Amino acid sequence: MSLPSSRQESPPESTVASAATVTVFASPTSWIESDALAQCDRMAALDGMIHVAAMPDLHPGKGAPIGAAMASSVLYPFLVGSDIGCGIAVFPIDLKRPVPARLAARFPDLDRPLDPERDADDPAWSVVAGDIPAGHPDGLGTVGRGNHFVELARIDTVFEPGHASRLGLAGGDLVLIVHSGSRGLGERILRAHTEVHGAGPAPDPAAYLAAHDAAVRWGSLNRRLMAARVAHALGAEPTEPVVDQCHNLVEVRDGAYLHRKGAAPGDGGDVLVAGTRGTHSYLVATHAGPEANHSVAHGAGRKMSRADALRRGRVKHTVEELRRTPVGSLVVCGDRQLLFEEAPAAYKRIEQVIADLVAHGLATPVASTVPLVTYKTADLGSAPRRDRRDHRRKRGRP
């Protein structure tokens, strides 16, 4: 059963003897599942764990909580997971007369990877400087599934005009928000570890960190490539990101391994805390200290499991209803099940997450964004039959 968090601002001790401390940065009225809190306590009991900081978007994950930053003297690859380098980047984009219905139809197929040889003349490659990290071309320029997305959004309310101006942003400006990670590369790195060591620590932290760092760079490159692909498809020039923060990673800090699983670095940079495809997102300036493991929330956080969202959504909504959001934006998604799993109602209220970050002194809102078009997967159902055949043929080519 899901219950609101009863934990207060002071760091409560885990119920497990000799476990690390656990701090939950959420108000008593915020929705925090008991299973997620139990996972935090289990992580606190791991050998070498020092402190677990749970963000207001905390929710249960596979083996480890999502929305947590965990400091330990031991490096645990499973605390980062398979999507190493997953993060959110924000790219300014200059479009004239942005009509969502027209622009949605022009989004490229971000399920189809860019092949360095077959697609050598694609203009998106112009954003690549140097070699592809880890020499891993598979999946480049693709968004993936789950909660990943590419979104055309508009800067709505500006709370800190001076800060926004320093980023080159103002009310009414358009941005591309890209949320994705290292795709198959991160999965390969975790699998190589778990097949031998399971959920145990990395026997050679330096070797894991070298592979991990390449995956983090790969994820950032992937976000740039997708932004460039979309910009060219919409008739605009690619730009440099004003924000690009990873929220699945481990770093060495203060002599410990700081694992972040669905938690963004909060030590002075700017972070886009994603809402849902039917709500605002928030660009925030961060100032989280050691009690929060120098971290902030990365998004709204799931309130329902995927199975629950699918079951409840099919009762309440049609597919067409979910393709137009409460804020009037459009969703490009050819996967009907994913439409229900990722419905806005499956997530917590982003306003409450932001309020908790502010109340605990972890972040200050700079600006909000409102979605115009959110891309999840290619919607081939509306494409001409010949185009669908061409798409399948191209995806099948090596």
Protein backbone atom coordinates (compact mmCIF):
# COMPACT_ATOMS: atom_id res chain seq x y z
CA MET A 1 0.00 0.00 0.00
CA SER A 2 1.27 3.47 -0.83
CA LEU A 3 1.34 5.92 2.05
CA PRO A 4 2.37 9.56 2.42
CA SER A 5 5.81 9.92 4.00
CA SER A 6 5.77 10.36 7.76
CA ARG A 7 9.47 11.27 7.89
CA GLN A 8 10.40 14.76 8.96
CA GLU A 9 13.25 17.07 8.04
CA SER A 10 15.71 15.69 10.60
CA PRO A 11 17.63 12.60 9.41
CA PRO A 12 15.99 9.50 10.93
CA GLU A 13 18.15 6.51 11.77
CA SER A 14 17.52 3.30 9.86
CA THR A 15 15.84 0.53 11.79
CA VAL A 16 18.72 -1.77 10.83
CA ALA A 17 21.52 -1.88 13.42
CA SER A 18 24.76 -0.11 12.41
CA ALA A 19 23.17 1.12 9.18
CA ALA A 20 23.92 4.45 7.59
CA THR A 21 21.72 7.48 8.13
CA VAL A 22 18.74 8.12 5.83
CA THR A 23 17.33 11.58 5.14
CA VAL A 24 14.09 12.03 3.19
CA PHE A 25 13.72 15.50 1.67
CA ALA A 26 9.94 15.53 1.43
CA SER A 27 7.16 17.11 3.42
CA PRO A 28 4.81 14.91 5.47
CA THR A 29 2.08 15.50 2.88
CA SER A 30 4.21 14.39 -0.07
CA TRP A 31 3.45 11.03 -1.65
CA ILE A 32 6.26 8.62 -0.74
CA GLU A 33 5.66 4.88 -1.03
CA SER A 34 6.49 2.69 1.93
CA ASP A 35 8.28 0.27 -0.42
CA ALA A 36 10.64 3.06 -1.48
CA LEU A 37 11.41 3.92 2.14
CA ALA A 38 12.08 0.24 2.85
CA GLN A 39 14.50 0.15 -0.08
CA CYS A 40 16.34 3.16 1.35
CA ASP A 41 16.74 1.32 4.65
CA ARG A 42 18.07 -1.75 2.85
CA MET A 43 20.58 0.40 0.98
CA ALA A 44 21.61 1.99 4.28
CA ALA A 45 22.47 -1.48 5.62
CA LEU A 46 24.93 -2.26 2.81
CA ASP A 47 28.57 -2.66 3.77
CA GLY A 48 30.37 0.66 3.64
CA MET A 49 27.25 2.80 3.25
CA ILE A 50 27.59 6.21 4.88
CA HIS A 51 24.45 8.19 4.08
CA VAL A 52 21.32 7.87 1.92
CA ALA A 53 19.57 11.06 0.77
CA ALA A 54 16.10 10.50 -0.66
CA MET A 55 14.62 13.17 -2.90
CA PRO A 56 10.91 14.15 -3.03
CA ASP A 57 10.50 12.19 -6.29
CA LEU A 58 11.54 8.96 -4.51
CA HIS A 59 9.86 5.77 -5.72
CA PRO A 60 10.69 2.05 -5.76
CA GLY A 61 13.10 0.69 -8.34
CA LYS A 62 14.40 -2.74 -9.28
CA GLY A 63 16.51 -3.55 -6.25
CA ALA A 64 17.34 0.07 -5.39
CA PRO A 65 15.24 3.21 -4.94
CA ILE A 66 14.91 5.77 -7.73
CA GLY A 67 15.30 9.35 -6.62
CA ALA A 68 18.14 8.76 -4.16
CA ALA A 69 21.80 9.70 -3.72
CA MET A 70 23.87 7.18 -1.75
CA ALA A 71 27.36 7.80 -0.37
CA SER A 72 29.48 4.76 0.42
CA SER A 73 33.09 3.71 0.92
CA VAL A 74 32.27 0.81 -1.45
CA LEU A 75 31.34 1.16 -5.14
CA TYR A 76 28.13 -0.71 -6.03
CA PRO A 77 27.37 -0.73 -9.81
CA PHE A 78 23.77 -1.83 -9.26
CA LEU A 79 23.08 1.45 -7.41
CA VAL A 80 23.68 3.27 -10.70
CA GLY A 81 21.85 0.68 -12.79
CA SER A 82 21.98 -0.09 -16.49
CA ASP A 83 21.13 3.36 -17.88
CA ILE A 84 24.47 4.90 -16.92
CA GLY A 85 24.68 8.50 -18.03
CA CYS A 86 20.94 9.06 -18.30
CA GLY A 87 20.24 12.76 -18.00
CA ILE A 88 18.33 15.77 -19.24
CA ALA A 89 19.65 18.47 -21.54
CA VAL A 90 18.01 21.74 -22.61
CA PHE A 91 18.74 23.26 -26.04
CA PRO A 92 17.43 26.64 -27.23
CA ILE A 93 15.73 26.44 -30.64
CA ASP A 94 14.59 29.22 -32.94
CA LEU A 95 11.34 28.52 -34.77
CA LYS A 96 8.91 30.91 -36.39
CA ARG A 97 5.19 30.42 -35.79
CA PRO A 98 5.41 27.09 -33.91
CA VAL A 99 2.16 25.24 -34.58
CA PRO A 100 2.25 22.00 -32.53
CA ALA A 101 0.17 19.94 -34.97
CA ARG A 102 2.47 20.79 -37.88
CA LEU A 103 5.65 20.34 -35.89
CA ALA A 104 4.58 17.00 -34.41
CA ALA A 105 4.31 15.56 -37.92
CA ARG A 106 7.86 16.69 -38.73
CA PHE A 107 9.67 15.01 -35.83
CA PRO A 108 12.22 12.49 -37.11
CA ASP A 109 12.09 8.79 -36.23
CA LEU A 110 14.21 8.70 -33.08
CA ASP A 111 13.79 4.92 -32.81
CA ARG A 112 16.01 4.57 -35.88
CA PRO A 113 19.70 4.95 -34.95
CA LEU A 114 22.18 6.98 -36.94
CA ASP A 115 24.71 4.69 -38.59
CA PRO A 116 28.14 6.32 -39.08
CA GLU A 117 28.46 4.80 -42.56
CA ARG A 118 24.90 4.56 -43.89
CA ASP A 119 23.99 8.02 -42.53
CA ALA A 120 27.38 9.65 -43.04
CA ASP A 121 25.79 12.64 -44.79
CA ASP A 122 23.26 13.36 -42.03
CA PRO A 123 23.81 16.97 -40.88
CA ALA A 124 23.31 15.97 -37.22
CA TRP A 125 26.86 14.61 -37.16
CA SER A 126 28.11 18.21 -37.13
CA VAL A 127 27.66 18.30 -33.33
CA VAL A 128 30.10 15.41 -32.82
CA ALA A 129 33.61 16.45 -31.86
CA GLY A 130 36.11 13.61 -31.63
CA ASP A 131 35.58 9.88 -31.46
CA ILE A 132 32.41 8.13 -30.31
CA PRO A 133 32.89 7.18 -26.64
CA ALA A 134 33.83 3.52 -26.10
CA GLY A 135 33.78 3.09 -29.87
CA HIS A 136 30.12 2.16 -29.49
CA PRO A 137 28.01 3.33 -32.47
CA ASP A 138 24.98 1.13 -31.73
CA GLY A 139 21.83 3.08 -30.90
CA LEU A 140 23.26 6.54 -31.49
CA GLY A 141 20.62 9.23 -31.87
CA THR A 142 17.79 7.19 -30.34
CA VAL A 143 15.62 8.06 -27.37
CA GLY A 144 14.75 4.63 -25.95
CA ARG A 145 11.63 3.65 -24.03
CA GLY A 146 10.37 4.09 -20.48
CA ASN A 147 10.25 7.69 -19.30
CA HIS A 148 12.69 8.95 -21.95
CA PHE A 149 11.47 11.69 -24.28
CA VAL A 150 12.34 14.61 -26.53
CA GLU A 151 10.12 17.63 -26.04
CA LEU A 152 9.60 20.92 -27.77
CA ALA A 153 8.63 23.30 -24.98
CA ARG A 154 8.13 27.01 -24.36
CA ILE A 155 9.61 28.98 -21.49
CA ASP A 156 6.53 29.95 -19.49
CA THR A 157 7.04 31.73 -16.15
CA VAL A 158 10.45 33.24 -15.42
CA PHE A 159 11.05 33.43 -11.66
CA GLU A 160 14.66 34.67 -11.77
CA PRO A 161 15.04 36.94 -14.83
CA GLY A 162 18.72 37.68 -14.22
CA HIS A 163 19.64 34.02 -13.94
CA ALA A 164 17.55 33.09 -16.97
CA SER A 165 19.15 35.89 -18.97
CA ARG A 166 22.62 34.57 -18.15
CA LEU A 167 21.52 31.29 -19.72
CA GLY A 168 20.24 33.17 -22.76
CA LEU A 169 16.60 32.41 -21.94
CA ALA A 170 13.50 34.59 -21.65
CA GLY A 171 9.77 34.08 -21.40
CA GLY A 172 8.26 32.77 -24.61
CA ASP A 173 11.52 31.26 -25.90
CA LEU A 174 11.42 27.74 -27.33
CA VAL A 175 13.64 24.92 -26.10
CA LEU A 176 14.20 21.25 -26.82
CA ILE A 177 14.31 19.09 -23.69
CA VAL A 178 16.06 15.76 -24.25
CA HIS A 179 15.89 12.96 -21.67
CA SER A 180 17.87 9.83 -22.49
CA GLY A 181 21.01 7.92 -21.57
CA SER A 182 23.61 5.44 -22.75
CA ARG A 183 21.15 2.93 -24.21
CA GLY A 184 22.77 -0.49 -24.80
CA LEU A 185 26.24 0.60 -23.70
CA GLY A 186 25.26 1.10 -20.06
CA GLU A 187 23.31 -2.14 -20.07
CA ARG A 188 26.37 -3.98 -21.38
CA ILE A 189 28.58 -2.52 -18.64
CA LEU A 190 26.20 -3.50 -15.84
CA ARG A 191 25.63 -6.98 -17.28
CA ALA A 192 29.37 -7.64 -17.42
CA HIS A 193 29.51 -6.92 -13.69
CA THR A 194 26.35 -8.68 -12.52
CA GLU A 195 27.05 -11.88 -14.45
CA VAL A 196 30.08 -12.38 -12.22
CA HIS A 197 29.43 -10.38 -9.06
CA GLY A 198 25.64 -9.97 -8.90
CA ALA A 199 24.67 -7.01 -6.72
CA GLY A 200 28.05 -7.05 -5.02
CA PRO A 201 30.67 -4.30 -5.12
CA ALA A 202 33.00 -3.61 -8.02
CA PRO A 203 36.19 -5.62 -7.44
CA ASP A 204 38.16 -3.11 -9.53
CA PRO A 205 36.56 0.31 -9.03
CA ALA A 206 38.99 2.03 -11.40
CA ALA A 207 38.07 -0.32 -14.27
CA TYR A 208 34.35 0.14 -13.65
CA LEU A 209 34.72 3.93 -13.44
CA ALA A 210 36.60 4.04 -16.75
CA ALA A 211 33.77 2.18 -18.51
CA HIS A 212 31.16 4.20 -16.59
CA ASP A 213 32.72 7.53 -17.57
CA ALA A 214 32.68 6.54 -21.25
CA ALA A 215 28.96 5.72 -20.93
CA VAL A 216 28.30 9.12 -19.31
CA ARG A 217 30.02 10.84 -22.24
CA TRP A 218 28.09 8.64 -24.67
CA GLY A 219 24.79 9.66 -23.07
CA SER A 220 25.62 13.34 -23.40
CA LEU A 221 26.61 12.86 -27.05
CA ASN A 222 23.38 10.97 -27.68
CA ARG A 223 21.32 13.87 -26.33
CA ARG A 224 23.19 16.30 -28.58
CA LEU A 225 22.63 14.11 -31.62
CA MET A 226 18.91 13.84 -30.97
CA ALA A 227 18.57 17.58 -30.46
CA ALA A 228 20.40 18.15 -33.75
CA ARG A 229 18.21 15.63 -35.58
CA VAL A 230 15.05 17.31 -34.32
CA ALA A 231 16.33 20.83 -34.98
CA HIS A 232 17.17 20.01 -38.61
CA ALA A 233 13.81 18.26 -39.10
CA LEU A 234 11.98 21.33 -37.80
CA GLY A 235 13.97 23.72 -39.96
CA ALA A 236 16.27 25.14 -37.29
CA GLU A 237 19.99 25.11 -36.58
CA PRO A 238 21.36 22.98 -33.72
CA THR A 239 22.55 24.83 -30.62
CA GLU A 240 24.70 24.08 -27.61
CA PRO A 241 22.82 22.95 -24.48
CA VAL A 242 22.33 25.51 -21.73
CA VAL A 243 21.82 22.63 -19.28
CA ASP A 244 23.04 19.03 -19.52
CA GLN A 245 22.99 17.13 -16.23
CA CYS A 246 23.25 13.40 -15.74
CA HIS A 247 21.17 11.74 -12.99
CA ASN A 248 22.37 8.11 -13.17
CA LEU A 249 26.03 8.06 -12.25
CA VAL A 250 28.65 7.60 -9.55
CA GLU A 251 31.37 10.07 -8.66
CA VAL A 252 34.24 10.07 -6.19
CA ARG A 253 33.56 12.84 -3.70
CA ASP A 254 35.09 13.59 -0.31
CA GLY A 255 36.81 10.22 -0.32
CA ALA A 256 33.57 8.27 -0.92
CA TYR A 257 31.62 6.92 -3.87
CA LEU A 258 28.50 9.03 -4.38
CA HIS A 259 25.94 6.97 -6.31
CA ARG A 260 23.03 8.82 -7.89
CA LYS A 261 20.03 6.82 -9.09
CA GLY A 262 17.46 9.23 -10.49
CA ALA A 263 19.03 12.16 -8.63
CA ALA A 264 20.76 15.11 -10.29
CA PRO A 265 23.91 16.86 -9.11
CA GLY A 266 22.83 19.71 -6.86
CA ASP A 267 26.09 21.44 -6.04
CA GLY A 268 25.62 24.79 -7.73
CA GLY A 269 24.69 23.98 -11.32
CA ASP A 270 21.38 24.32 -13.14
CA VAL A 271 19.05 21.32 -13.48
CA LEU A 272 15.86 20.74 -15.47
CA VAL A 273 13.49 18.88 -13.14
CA ALA A 274 11.08 17.19 -15.54
CA GLY A 275 7.36 17.13 -14.96
CA THR A 276 5.20 15.03 -17.26
CA ARG A 277 4.10 15.40 -20.87
CA GLY A 278 0.97 17.14 -19.55
CA THR A 279 2.49 19.47 -16.93
CA HIS A 280 5.18 22.07 -16.51
CA SER A 281 8.83 21.26 -15.95
CA TYR A 282 11.12 23.47 -13.88
CA LEU A 283 14.60 24.80 -14.49
CA VAL A 284 16.20 25.27 -11.07
CA ALA A 285 19.43 26.63 -9.65
CA THR A 286 20.81 24.13 -7.14
CA HIS A 287 22.54 24.60 -3.80
CA ALA A 288 22.27 21.25 -2.03
CA GLY A 289 24.73 20.48 0.75
CA PRO A 290 26.27 17.31 2.20
CA GLU A 291 23.11 16.24 4.08
CA ALA A 292 21.43 15.90 0.66
CA ASN A 293 24.56 14.27 -0.76
CA HIS A 294 24.88 17.37 -2.96
CA SER A 295 21.87 16.22 -5.00
CA VAL A 296 18.37 17.26 -6.09
CA ALA A 297 15.33 15.57 -7.63
CA HIS A 298 15.40 14.76 -11.33
CA GLY A 299 11.67 14.73 -12.07
CA ALA A 300 8.16 14.25 -10.79
CA GLY A 301 8.71 10.60 -9.84
CA ARG A 302 6.25 7.80 -10.47
CA LYS A 303 3.16 7.53 -8.30
CA MET A 304 1.82 4.38 -9.98
CA SER A 305 3.58 1.28 -11.22
CA ARG A 306 3.46 0.75 -14.97
CA ALA A 307 1.00 -2.10 -14.52
CA ASP A 308 -1.32 0.08 -12.40
CA ALA A 309 -1.08 3.00 -14.82
CA LEU A 310 -1.95 0.70 -17.72
CA ARG A 311 -4.90 -0.88 -15.91
CA ARG A 312 -6.37 2.36 -14.57
CA GLY A 313 -5.66 4.36 -17.71
CA ARG A 314 -7.55 1.95 -19.97
CA VAL A 315 -10.62 2.44 -17.81
CA LYS A 316 -10.46 6.24 -17.80
CA HIS A 317 -8.96 7.25 -21.15
CA THR A 318 -8.82 6.46 -24.83
CA VAL A 319 -5.61 6.49 -26.83
CA GLU A 320 -6.66 9.66 -28.63
CA GLU A 321 -7.37 11.42 -25.33
CA LEU A 322 -3.83 10.65 -24.16
CA ARG A 323 -2.32 12.07 -27.33
CA ARG A 324 -3.52 15.55 -26.37
CA THR A 325 -2.58 16.67 -22.89
CA PRO A 326 -4.36 18.89 -20.34
CA VAL A 327 -2.09 21.80 -21.30
CA GLY A 328 -3.01 21.44 -24.99
CA SER A 329 0.26 19.86 -26.12
CA LEU A 330 0.56 16.85 -28.43
CA VAL A 331 2.22 13.49 -27.79
CA VAL A 332 3.95 11.56 -30.57
CA CYS A 333 3.86 7.90 -29.51
CA GLY A 334 3.17 4.86 -31.64
CA ASP A 335 3.29 2.51 -28.65
CA ARG A 336 -0.20 2.44 -27.17
CA GLN A 337 0.83 0.65 -24.00
CA LEU A 338 3.53 3.25 -23.35
CA LEU A 339 0.95 6.01 -23.73
CA PHE A 340 -0.96 4.62 -20.75
CA GLU A 341 2.12 3.74 -18.71
CA GLU A 342 3.48 7.27 -19.07
CA ALA A 343 0.19 9.14 -18.57
CA PRO A 344 0.53 12.31 -16.47
CA ALA A 345 -1.67 10.76 -13.75
CA ALA A 346 0.98 8.05 -13.19
CA TYR A 347 3.34 10.67 -11.76
CA LYS A 348 3.48 12.82 -8.64
CA ARG A 349 2.65 16.51 -8.78
CA ILE A 350 5.75 18.30 -10.02
CA GLU A 351 4.73 21.43 -8.08
CA GLN A 352 4.97 19.49 -4.80
CA VAL A 353 8.40 18.12 -5.73
CA ILE A 354 9.65 21.63 -6.47
CA ALA A 355 8.07 22.99 -3.28
CA ASP A 356 9.90 20.33 -1.26
CA LEU A 357 13.23 21.21 -2.88
CA VAL A 358 12.66 24.86 -2.06
CA ALA A 359 11.47 24.16 1.50
CA HIS A 360 14.61 22.13 2.23
CA GLY A 361 16.92 24.73 0.71
CA LEU A 362 18.10 22.49 -2.12
CA ALA A 363 17.07 24.55 -5.16
CA THR A 364 15.56 27.81 -6.41
CA PRO A 365 13.21 27.85 -9.43
CA VAL A 366 14.57 29.89 -12.34
CA ALA A 367 11.86 29.28 -14.96
CA SER A 368 9.10 26.85 -15.86
CA THR A 369 8.53 25.26 -19.26
CA VAL A 370 5.27 24.10 -20.82
CA PRO A 371 5.25 21.32 -23.44
CA LEU A 372 4.12 21.86 -27.04
CA VAL A 373 5.10 18.47 -28.55
CA THR A 374 6.45 15.48 -26.61
CA TYR A 375 8.06 12.67 -28.61
CA LYS A 376 8.08 9.19 -27.08
CA THR A 377 8.25 6.78 -30.05
CA ALA A 378 7.67 7.06 -33.77
CA ASP A 379 3.98 7.03 -34.70
CA LEU A 380 4.13 5.04 -37.92
CA GLY A 381 0.41 4.34 -37.94
CA SER A 382 -0.29 7.69 -39.56
CA ALA A 383 2.49 7.35 -42.16
CA PRO A 384 1.74 6.24 -45.71
CA ARG A 385 2.03 2.48 -46.28
CA ARG A 386 5.11 2.83 -48.47
CA ASP A 387 6.88 4.92 -45.81
CA ARG A 388 6.17 2.22 -43.21
CA ARG A 389 7.73 -0.42 -45.49
CA ASP A 390 10.77 1.78 -46.04
CA HIS A 391 11.08 2.33 -42.28
CA ARG A 392 11.04 -1.41 -41.54
CA ARG A 393 13.56 -2.08 -44.31
CA LYS A 394 15.94 0.60 -43.09
CA ARG A 395 15.77 -0.55 -39.49
CA GLY A 396 16.63 -4.06 -40.61
CA ARG A 397 19.79 -2.98 -42.44
CA PRO A 398 23.13 -3.44 -40.67
